[in-house]
Amino acid sequence: MFTISVCVGSSCHLKGAYEIIKICQELLEKHQLEGKVELKGTFCCGKCSEQGVTVIINGETLSGVLPSNFEEVFQEKVLKEIQNERH
């Protein structure tokens, strides 16, 4: 199962963490991935100086994620990997 953790610490909260969570929920529903991808919040990941939110996808820490680029990150890091697993 894929795991997506979104930092919800105060710095990431101010940079759009909850908007990213909402977008992620919508994408999971759109691509029928509920039950295949676990979405959760996490507290400070120690990347507060980065521009944007810290998101961890299957253990890979991504910094600088914004609501405006999250769908691209989701396509690259989640959908591509799920498609590769199916083949």
PDB file of N, CA and C in Angstrom:
ATOM      1  N   MET A   1       0.834  -1.186   0.000  1.00  0.00           N
ATOM      2  CA  MET A   1       0.000   0.000   0.000  1.00  0.00           C
ATOM      3  C   MET A   1       0.875   1.244   0.000  1.00  0.00           C
ATOM      4  N   PHE A   2       0.518   2.203  -0.814  1.00  0.00           N
ATOM      5  CA  PHE A   2       1.204   3.489  -0.841  1.00  0.00           C
ATOM      6  C   PHE A   2       0.840   4.283   0.400  1.00  0.00           C
ATOM      7  N   THR A   3       1.784   5.076   0.880  1.00  0.00           N
ATOM      8  CA  THR A   3       1.522   5.982   1.988  1.00  0.00           C
ATOM      9  C   THR A   3       1.942   7.388   1.589  1.00  0.00           C
ATOM     10  N   ILE A   4       1.042   8.328   1.781  1.00  0.00           N
ATOM     11  CA  ILE A   4       1.334   9.738   1.563  1.00  0.00           C
ATOM     12  C   ILE A   4       1.147  10.438   2.896  1.00  0.00           C
ATOM     13  N   SER A   5       2.213  11.034   3.397  1.00  0.00           N
ATOM     14  CA  SER A   5       2.156  11.783   4.651  1.00  0.00           C
ATOM     15  C   SER A   5       2.402  13.252   4.336  1.00  0.00           C
ATOM     16  N   VAL A   6       1.517  14.102   4.812  1.00  0.00           N
ATOM     17  CA  VAL A   6       1.628  15.538   4.593  1.00  0.00           C
ATOM     18  C   VAL A   6       1.927  16.195   5.930  1.00  0.00           C
ATOM     19  N   CYS A   7       3.002  16.963   5.986  1.00  0.00           N
ATOM     20  CA  CYS A   7       3.349  17.667   7.211  1.00  0.00           C
ATOM     21  C   CYS A   7       2.267  18.698   7.510  1.00  0.00           C
ATOM     22  N   VAL A   8       1.772  18.678   8.748  1.00  0.00           N
ATOM     23  CA  VAL A   8       0.762  19.643   9.166  1.00  0.00           C
ATOM     24  C   VAL A   8       1.279  20.502  10.323  1.00  0.00           C
ATOM     25  N   GLY A   9       2.610  20.569  10.450  1.00  0.00           N
ATOM     26  CA  GLY A   9       3.202  21.459  11.440  1.00  0.00           C
ATOM     27  C   GLY A   9       2.855  22.901  11.101  1.00  0.00           C
ATOM     28  N   SER A  10       3.117  23.809  12.018  1.00  0.00           N
ATOM     29  CA  SER A  10       2.658  25.187  11.844  1.00  0.00           C
ATOM     30  C   SER A  10       3.195  25.847  10.566  1.00  0.00           C
ATOM     31  N   SER A  11       4.449  25.624  10.228  1.00  0.00           N
ATOM     32  CA  SER A  11       5.017  26.236   9.026  1.00  0.00           C
ATOM     33  C   SER A  11       4.350  25.689   7.769  1.00  0.00           C
ATOM     34  N   CYS A  12       4.228  24.378   7.680  1.00  0.00           N
ATOM     35  CA  CYS A  12       3.594  23.771   6.495  1.00  0.00           C
ATOM     36  C   CYS A  12       2.108  24.099   6.447  1.00  0.00           C
ATOM     37  N   HIS A  13       1.485  24.183   7.612  1.00  0.00           N
ATOM     38  CA  HIS A  13       0.069  24.566   7.662  1.00  0.00           C
ATOM     39  C   HIS A  13      -0.121  25.913   6.979  1.00  0.00           C
ATOM     40  N   LEU A  14       0.753  26.858   7.286  1.00  0.00           N
ATOM     41  CA  LEU A  14       0.655  28.196   6.703  1.00  0.00           C
ATOM     42  C   LEU A  14       0.956  28.206   5.207  1.00  0.00           C
ATOM     43  N   LYS A  15       1.695  27.194   4.731  1.00  0.00           N
ATOM     44  CA  LYS A  15       2.085  27.136   3.317  1.00  0.00           C
ATOM     45  C   LYS A  15       1.113  26.316   2.467  1.00  0.00           C
ATOM     46  N   GLY A  16       0.018  25.812   3.084  1.00  0.00           N
ATOM     47  CA  GLY A  16      -1.007  25.140   2.286  1.00  0.00           C
ATOM     48  C   GLY A  16      -1.166  23.653   2.509  1.00  0.00           C
ATOM     49  N   ALA A  17      -0.713  23.120   3.647  1.00  0.00           N
ATOM     50  CA  ALA A  17      -0.798  21.677   3.891  1.00  0.00           C
ATOM     51  C   ALA A  17      -2.231  21.155   3.796  1.00  0.00           C
ATOM     52  N   TYR A  18      -3.174  21.865   4.381  1.00  0.00           N
ATOM     53  CA  TYR A  18      -4.547  21.369   4.371  1.00  0.00           C
ATOM     54  C   TYR A  18      -5.165  21.442   2.981  1.00  0.00           C
ATOM     55  N   GLU A  19      -4.752  22.394   2.184  1.00  0.00           N
ATOM     56  CA  GLU A  19      -5.222  22.452   0.797  1.00  0.00           C
ATOM     57  C   GLU A  19      -4.654  21.264   0.009  1.00  0.00           C
ATOM     58  N   ILE A  20      -3.392  20.910   0.276  1.00  0.00           N
ATOM     59  CA  ILE A  20      -2.779  19.749  -0.382  1.00  0.00           C
ATOM     60  C   ILE A  20      -3.514  18.473   0.018  1.00  0.00           C
ATOM     61  N   ILE A  21      -3.861  18.348   1.279  1.00  0.00           N
ATOM     62  CA  ILE A  21      -4.608  17.165   1.735  1.00  0.00           C
ATOM     63  C   ILE A  21      -5.948  17.080   0.995  1.00  0.00           C
ATOM     64  N   LYS A  22      -6.635  18.202   0.861  1.00  0.00           N
ATOM     65  CA  LYS A  22      -7.920  18.225   0.158  1.00  0.00           C
ATOM     66  C   LYS A  22      -7.731  17.820  -1.307  1.00  0.00           C
ATOM     67  N   ILE A  23      -6.731  18.365  -1.955  1.00  0.00           N
ATOM     68  CA  ILE A  23      -6.452  18.022  -3.359  1.00  0.00           C
ATOM     69  C   ILE A  23      -6.133  16.532  -3.473  1.00  0.00           C
ATOM     70  N   CYS A  24      -5.338  16.034  -2.550  1.00  0.00           N
ATOM     71  CA  CYS A  24      -4.971  14.609  -2.566  1.00  0.00           C
ATOM     72  C   CYS A  24      -6.206  13.722  -2.405  1.00  0.00           C
ATOM     73  N   GLN A  25      -7.085  14.075  -1.487  1.00  0.00           N
ATOM     74  CA  GLN A  25      -8.316  13.306  -1.311  1.00  0.00           C
ATOM     75  C   GLN A  25      -9.132  13.281  -2.595  1.00  0.00           C
ATOM     76  N   GLU A  26      -9.221  14.417  -3.264  1.00  0.00           N
ATOM     77  CA  GLU A  26      -9.965  14.494  -4.528  1.00  0.00           C
ATOM     78  C   GLU A  26      -9.316  13.631  -5.604  1.00  0.00           C
ATOM     79  N   LEU A  27      -7.978  13.635  -5.668  1.00  0.00           N
ATOM     80  CA  LEU A  27      -7.269  12.829  -6.670  1.00  0.00           C
ATOM     81  C   LEU A  27      -7.408  11.338  -6.376  1.00  0.00           C
ATOM     82  N   LEU A  28      -7.367  10.967  -5.108  1.00  0.00           N
ATOM     83  CA  LEU A  28      -7.543   9.562  -4.745  1.00  0.00           C
ATOM     84  C   LEU A  28      -8.927   9.074  -5.153  1.00  0.00           C
ATOM     85  N   GLU A  29      -9.928   9.918  -4.941  1.00  0.00           N
ATOM     86  CA  GLU A  29     -11.287   9.559  -5.340  1.00  0.00           C
ATOM     87  C   GLU A  29     -11.403   9.497  -6.857  1.00  0.00           C
ATOM     88  N   LYS A  30     -10.873  10.498  -7.538  1.00  0.00           N
ATOM     89  CA  LYS A  30     -10.944  10.571  -9.003  1.00  0.00           C
ATOM     90  C   LYS A  30     -10.315   9.337  -9.656  1.00  0.00           C
ATOM     91  N   HIS A  31      -9.195   8.877  -9.108  1.00  0.00           N
ATOM     92  CA  HIS A  31      -8.476   7.743  -9.693  1.00  0.00           C
ATOM     93  C   HIS A  31      -8.823   6.423  -9.010  1.00  0.00           C
ATOM     94  N   GLN A  32      -9.848   6.437  -8.172  1.00  0.00           N
ATOM     95  CA  GLN A  32     -10.341   5.242  -7.480  1.00  0.00           C
ATOM     96  C   GLN A  32      -9.230   4.518  -6.739  1.00  0.00           C
ATOM     97  N   LEU A  33      -8.486   5.273  -5.935  1.00  0.00           N
ATOM     98  CA  LEU A  33      -7.359   4.711  -5.199  1.00  0.00           C
ATOM     99  C   LEU A  33      -7.605   4.631  -3.691  1.00  0.00           C
ATOM    100  N   GLU A  34      -8.853   4.900  -3.255  1.00  0.00           N
ATOM    101  CA  GLU A  34      -9.147   4.743  -1.844  1.00  0.00           C
ATOM    102  C   GLU A  34      -8.919   3.277  -1.477  1.00  0.00           C
ATOM    103  N   GLY A  35      -8.285   3.038  -0.364  1.00  0.00           N
ATOM    104  CA  GLY A  35      -7.977   1.674   0.047  1.00  0.00           C
ATOM    105  C   GLY A  35      -6.649   1.171  -0.495  1.00  0.00           C
ATOM    106  N   LYS A  36      -6.102   1.844  -1.499  1.00  0.00           N
ATOM    107  CA  LYS A  36      -4.805   1.473  -2.064  1.00  0.00           C
ATOM    108  C   LYS A  36      -3.716   2.447  -1.635  1.00  0.00           C
ATOM    109  N   VAL A  37      -4.135   3.652  -1.255  1.00  0.00           N
ATOM    110  CA  VAL A  37      -3.207   4.689  -0.825  1.00  0.00           C
ATOM    111  C   VAL A  37      -3.671   5.220   0.522  1.00  0.00           C
ATOM    112  N   GLU A  38      -2.774   5.187   1.484  1.00  0.00           N
ATOM    113  CA  GLU A  38      -3.079   5.729   2.809  1.00  0.00           C
ATOM    114  C   GLU A  38      -2.614   7.180   2.854  1.00  0.00           C
ATOM    115  N   LEU A  39      -3.512   8.070   3.219  1.00  0.00           N
ATOM    116  CA  LEU A  39      -3.205   9.494   3.340  1.00  0.00           C
ATOM    117  C   LEU A  39      -3.256   9.849   4.813  1.00  0.00           C
ATOM    118  N   LYS A  40      -2.173  10.465   5.296  1.00  0.00           N
ATOM    119  CA  LYS A  40      -2.172  10.850   6.702  1.00  0.00           C
ATOM    120  C   LYS A  40      -1.378  12.127   6.902  1.00  0.00           C
ATOM    121  N   GLY A  41      -1.631  12.765   8.023  1.00  0.00           N
ATOM    122  CA  GLY A  41      -0.887  13.945   8.412  1.00  0.00           C
ATOM    123  C   GLY A  41       0.255  13.545   9.326  1.00  0.00           C
ATOM    124  N   THR A  42       1.285  14.344   9.325  1.00  0.00           N
ATOM    125  CA  THR A  42       2.411  14.104  10.213  1.00  0.00           C
ATOM    126  C   THR A  42       2.868  15.446  10.765  1.00  0.00           C
ATOM    127  N   PHE A  43       3.467  15.403  11.928  1.00  0.00           N
ATOM    128  CA  PHE A  43       3.950  16.656  12.504  1.00  0.00           C
ATOM    129  C   PHE A  43       5.310  16.994  11.940  1.00  0.00           C
ATOM    130  N   CYS A  44       5.881  18.071  12.359  1.00  0.00           N
ATOM    131  CA  CYS A  44       7.067  18.669  11.767  1.00  0.00           C
ATOM    132  C   CYS A  44       8.099  17.650  11.283  1.00  0.00           C
ATOM    133  N   CYS A  45       8.513  17.829  10.038  1.00  0.00           N
ATOM    134  CA  CYS A  45       9.512  16.951   9.414  1.00  0.00           C
ATOM    135  C   CYS A  45      10.895  17.597   9.418  1.00  0.00           C
ATOM    136  N   GLY A  46      11.010  18.784  10.013  1.00  0.00           N
ATOM    137  CA  GLY A  46      12.305  19.452  10.118  1.00  0.00           C
ATOM    138  C   GLY A  46      12.778  20.141   8.853  1.00  0.00           C
ATOM    139  N   LYS A  47      11.881  20.399   7.933  1.00  0.00           N
ATOM    140  CA  LYS A  47      12.235  21.061   6.669  1.00  0.00           C
ATOM    141  C   LYS A  47      11.579  22.436   6.578  1.00  0.00           C
ATOM    142  N   CYS A  48      11.410  23.090   7.712  1.00  0.00           N
ATOM    143  CA  CYS A  48      10.642  24.334   7.781  1.00  0.00           C
ATOM    144  C   CYS A  48      11.239  25.472   6.967  1.00  0.00           C
ATOM    145  N   SER A  49      12.520  25.442   6.677  1.00  0.00           N
ATOM    146  CA  SER A  49      13.122  26.534   5.917  1.00  0.00           C
ATOM    147  C   SER A  49      12.837  26.421   4.416  1.00  0.00           C
ATOM    148  N   GLU A  50      12.303  25.286   3.998  1.00  0.00           N
ATOM    149  CA  GLU A  50      11.998  25.075   2.577  1.00  0.00           C
ATOM    150  C   GLU A  50      10.803  25.928   2.157  1.00  0.00           C
ATOM    151  N   GLN A  51      10.728  26.231   0.895  1.00  0.00           N
ATOM    152  CA  GLN A  51       9.590  26.961   0.343  1.00  0.00           C
ATOM    153  C   GLN A  51       8.508  25.967  -0.022  1.00  0.00           C
ATOM    154  N   GLY A  52       7.513  25.826   0.800  1.00  0.00           N
ATOM    155  CA  GLY A  52       6.418  24.908   0.525  1.00  0.00           C
ATOM    156  C   GLY A  52       6.267  23.872   1.614  1.00  0.00           C
ATOM    157  N   VAL A  53       5.420  22.918   1.356  1.00  0.00           N
ATOM    158  CA  VAL A  53       5.037  21.879   2.313  1.00  0.00           C
ATOM    159  C   VAL A  53       5.909  20.650   2.105  1.00  0.00           C
ATOM    160  N   THR A  54       6.201  19.943   3.195  1.00  0.00           N
ATOM    161  CA  THR A  54       6.930  18.682   3.107  1.00  0.00           C
ATOM    162  C   THR A  54       5.920  17.547   2.989  1.00  0.00           C
ATOM    163  N   VAL A  55       6.101  16.703   1.981  1.00  0.00           N
ATOM    164  CA  VAL A  55       5.246  15.550   1.738  1.00  0.00           C
ATOM    165  C   VAL A  55       6.153  14.331   1.636  1.00  0.00           C
ATOM    166  N   ILE A  56       5.771  13.252   2.308  1.00  0.00           N
ATOM    167  CA  ILE A  56       6.544  12.010   2.253  1.00  0.00           C
ATOM    168  C   ILE A  56       5.689  10.972   1.528  1.00  0.00           C
ATOM    169  N   ILE A  57       6.215  10.468   0.421  1.00  0.00           N
ATOM    170  CA  ILE A  57       5.508   9.456  -0.366  1.00  0.00           C
ATOM    171  C   ILE A  57       6.345   8.194  -0.367  1.00  0.00           C
ATOM    172  N   ASN A  58       5.816   7.166   0.281  1.00  0.00           N
ATOM    173  CA  ASN A  58       6.514   5.882   0.405  1.00  0.00           C
ATOM    174  C   ASN A  58       7.947   6.047   0.892  1.00  0.00           C
ATOM    175  N   GLY A  59       8.140   6.891   1.880  1.00  0.00           N
ATOM    176  CA  GLY A  59       9.448   7.074   2.478  1.00  0.00           C
ATOM    177  C   GLY A  59      10.326   8.108   1.801  1.00  0.00           C
ATOM    178  N   GLU A  60       9.916   8.609   0.654  1.00  0.00           N
ATOM    179  CA  GLU A  60      10.693   9.643  -0.047  1.00  0.00           C
ATOM    180  C   GLU A  60      10.194  11.017   0.378  1.00  0.00           C
ATOM    181  N   THR A  61      11.087  11.808   0.962  1.00  0.00           N
ATOM    182  CA  THR A  61      10.725  13.132   1.436  1.00  0.00           C
ATOM    183  C   THR A  61      10.846  14.152   0.318  1.00  0.00           C
ATOM    184  N   LEU A  62       9.754  14.840   0.071  1.00  0.00           N
ATOM    185  CA  LEU A  62       9.699  15.871  -0.963  1.00  0.00           C
ATOM    186  C   LEU A  62       9.447  17.208  -0.276  1.00  0.00           C
ATOM    187  N   SER A  63      10.298  18.160  -0.532  1.00  0.00           N
ATOM    188  CA  SER A  63      10.143  19.492   0.045  1.00  0.00           C
ATOM    189  C   SER A  63       9.708  20.466  -1.031  1.00  0.00           C
ATOM    190  N   GLY A  64       9.096  21.548  -0.616  1.00  0.00           N
ATOM    191  CA  GLY A  64       8.698  22.580  -1.564  1.00  0.00           C
ATOM    192  C   GLY A  64       7.447  22.265  -2.342  1.00  0.00           C
ATOM    193  N   VAL A  65       6.604  21.364  -1.810  1.00  0.00           N
ATOM    194  CA  VAL A  65       5.356  21.028  -2.493  1.00  0.00           C
ATOM    195  C   VAL A  65       4.329  22.120  -2.176  1.00  0.00           C
ATOM    196  N   LEU A  66       3.641  22.554  -3.201  1.00  0.00           N
ATOM    197  CA  LEU A  66       2.626  23.599  -3.062  1.00  0.00           C
ATOM    198  C   LEU A  66       1.295  23.089  -3.610  1.00  0.00           C
ATOM    199  N   PRO A  67       0.195  23.685  -3.194  1.00  0.00           N
ATOM    200  CA  PRO A  67      -1.082  23.291  -3.794  1.00  0.00           C
ATOM    201  C   PRO A  67      -1.049  23.393  -5.320  1.00  0.00           C
ATOM    202  N   SER A  68      -0.316  24.351  -5.843  1.00  0.00           N
ATOM    203  CA  SER A  68      -0.255  24.554  -7.295  1.00  0.00           C
ATOM    204  C   SER A  68       0.544  23.481  -8.033  1.00  0.00           C
ATOM    205  N   ASN A  69       1.438  22.764  -7.342  1.00  0.00           N
ATOM    206  CA  ASN A  69       2.218  21.723  -8.034  1.00  0.00           C
ATOM    207  C   ASN A  69       1.950  20.320  -7.491  1.00  0.00           C
ATOM    208  N   PHE A  70       1.011  20.189  -6.558  1.00  0.00           N
ATOM    209  CA  PHE A  70       0.790  18.865  -5.966  1.00  0.00           C
ATOM    210  C   PHE A  70       0.266  17.850  -6.970  1.00  0.00           C
ATOM    211  N   GLU A  71      -0.626  18.269  -7.849  1.00  0.00           N
ATOM    212  CA  GLU A  71      -1.173  17.302  -8.812  1.00  0.00           C
ATOM    213  C   GLU A  71      -0.061  16.722  -9.685  1.00  0.00           C
ATOM    214  N   GLU A  72       0.906  17.534 -10.069  1.00  0.00           N
ATOM    215  CA  GLU A  72       2.058  17.056 -10.838  1.00  0.00           C
ATOM    216  C   GLU A  72       2.873  16.050 -10.020  1.00  0.00           C
ATOM    217  N   VAL A  73       3.098  16.346  -8.752  1.00  0.00           N
ATOM    218  CA  VAL A  73       3.822  15.432  -7.860  1.00  0.00           C
ATOM    219  C   VAL A  73       3.052  14.124  -7.737  1.00  0.00           C
ATOM    220  N   PHE A  74       1.745  14.204  -7.582  1.00  0.00           N
ATOM    221  CA  PHE A  74       0.896  13.020  -7.463  1.00  0.00           C
ATOM    222  C   PHE A  74       0.998  12.150  -8.718  1.00  0.00           C
ATOM    223  N   GLN A  75       0.938  12.795  -9.874  1.00  0.00           N
ATOM    224  CA  GLN A  75       1.050  12.063 -11.149  1.00  0.00           C
ATOM    225  C   GLN A  75       2.376  11.310 -11.220  1.00  0.00           C
ATOM    226  N   GLU A  76       3.455  12.013 -10.883  1.00  0.00           N
ATOM    227  CA  GLU A  76       4.806  11.456 -11.025  1.00  0.00           C
ATOM    228  C   GLU A  76       5.124  10.395  -9.968  1.00  0.00           C
ATOM    229  N   LYS A  77       4.772  10.659  -8.735  1.00  0.00           N
ATOM    230  CA  LYS A  77       5.211   9.809  -7.625  1.00  0.00           C
ATOM    231  C   LYS A  77       4.209   8.742  -7.217  1.00  0.00           C
ATOM    232  N   VAL A  78       2.941   8.920  -7.556  1.00  0.00           N
ATOM    233  CA  VAL A  78       1.936   7.947  -7.156  1.00  0.00           C
ATOM    234  C   VAL A  78       1.385   7.200  -8.364  1.00  0.00           C
ATOM    235  N   LEU A  79       0.776   7.916  -9.289  1.00  0.00           N
ATOM    236  CA  LEU A  79       0.141   7.249 -10.428  1.00  0.00           C
ATOM    237  C   LEU A  79       1.136   6.455 -11.269  1.00  0.00           C
ATOM    238  N   LYS A  80       2.299   7.035 -11.552  1.00  0.00           N
ATOM    239  CA  LYS A  80       3.311   6.316 -12.343  1.00  0.00           C
ATOM    240  C   LYS A  80       3.752   5.041 -11.641  1.00  0.00           C
ATOM    241  N   GLU A  81       3.987   5.124 -10.347  1.00  0.00           N
ATOM    242  CA  GLU A  81       4.436   3.955  -9.588  1.00  0.00           C
ATOM    243  C   GLU A  81       3.359   2.876  -9.529  1.00  0.00           C
ATOM    244  N   ILE A  82       2.117   3.277  -9.345  1.00  0.00           N
ATOM    245  CA  ILE A  82       1.022   2.302  -9.318  1.00  0.00           C
ATOM    246  C   ILE A  82       0.906   1.620 -10.679  1.00  0.00           C
ATOM    247  N   GLN A  83       1.021   2.382 -11.748  1.00  0.00           N
ATOM    248  CA  GLN A  83       0.974   1.793 -13.082  1.00  0.00           C
ATOM    249  C   GLN A  83       2.134   0.830 -13.295  1.00  0.00           C
ATOM    250  N   ASN A  84       3.331   1.181 -12.814  1.00  0.00           N
ATOM    251  CA  ASN A  84       4.482   0.294 -12.943  1.00  0.00           C
ATOM    252  C   ASN A  84       4.304  -1.002 -12.165  1.00  0.00           C
ATOM    253  N   GLU A  85       3.658  -0.922 -11.017  1.00  0.00           N
ATOM    254  CA  GLU A  85       3.403  -2.127 -10.216  1.00  0.00           C
ATOM    255  C   GLU A  85       2.440  -3.065 -10.907  1.00  0.00           C
ATOM    256  N   ARG A  86       1.523  -2.523 -11.688  1.00  0.00           N
ATOM    257  CA  ARG A  86       0.517  -3.335 -12.372  1.00  0.00           C
ATOM    258  C   ARG A  86       1.095  -4.098 -13.565  1.00  0.00           C
ATOM    259  N   HIS A  87       2.247  -3.606 -14.078  1.00  0.00           N
ATOM    260  CA  HIS A  87       2.840  -4.237 -15.280  1.00  0.00           C
ATOM    261  C   HIS A  87       3.937  -5.174 -14.913  1.00  0.00           C
TER     262      HIS A  87
END
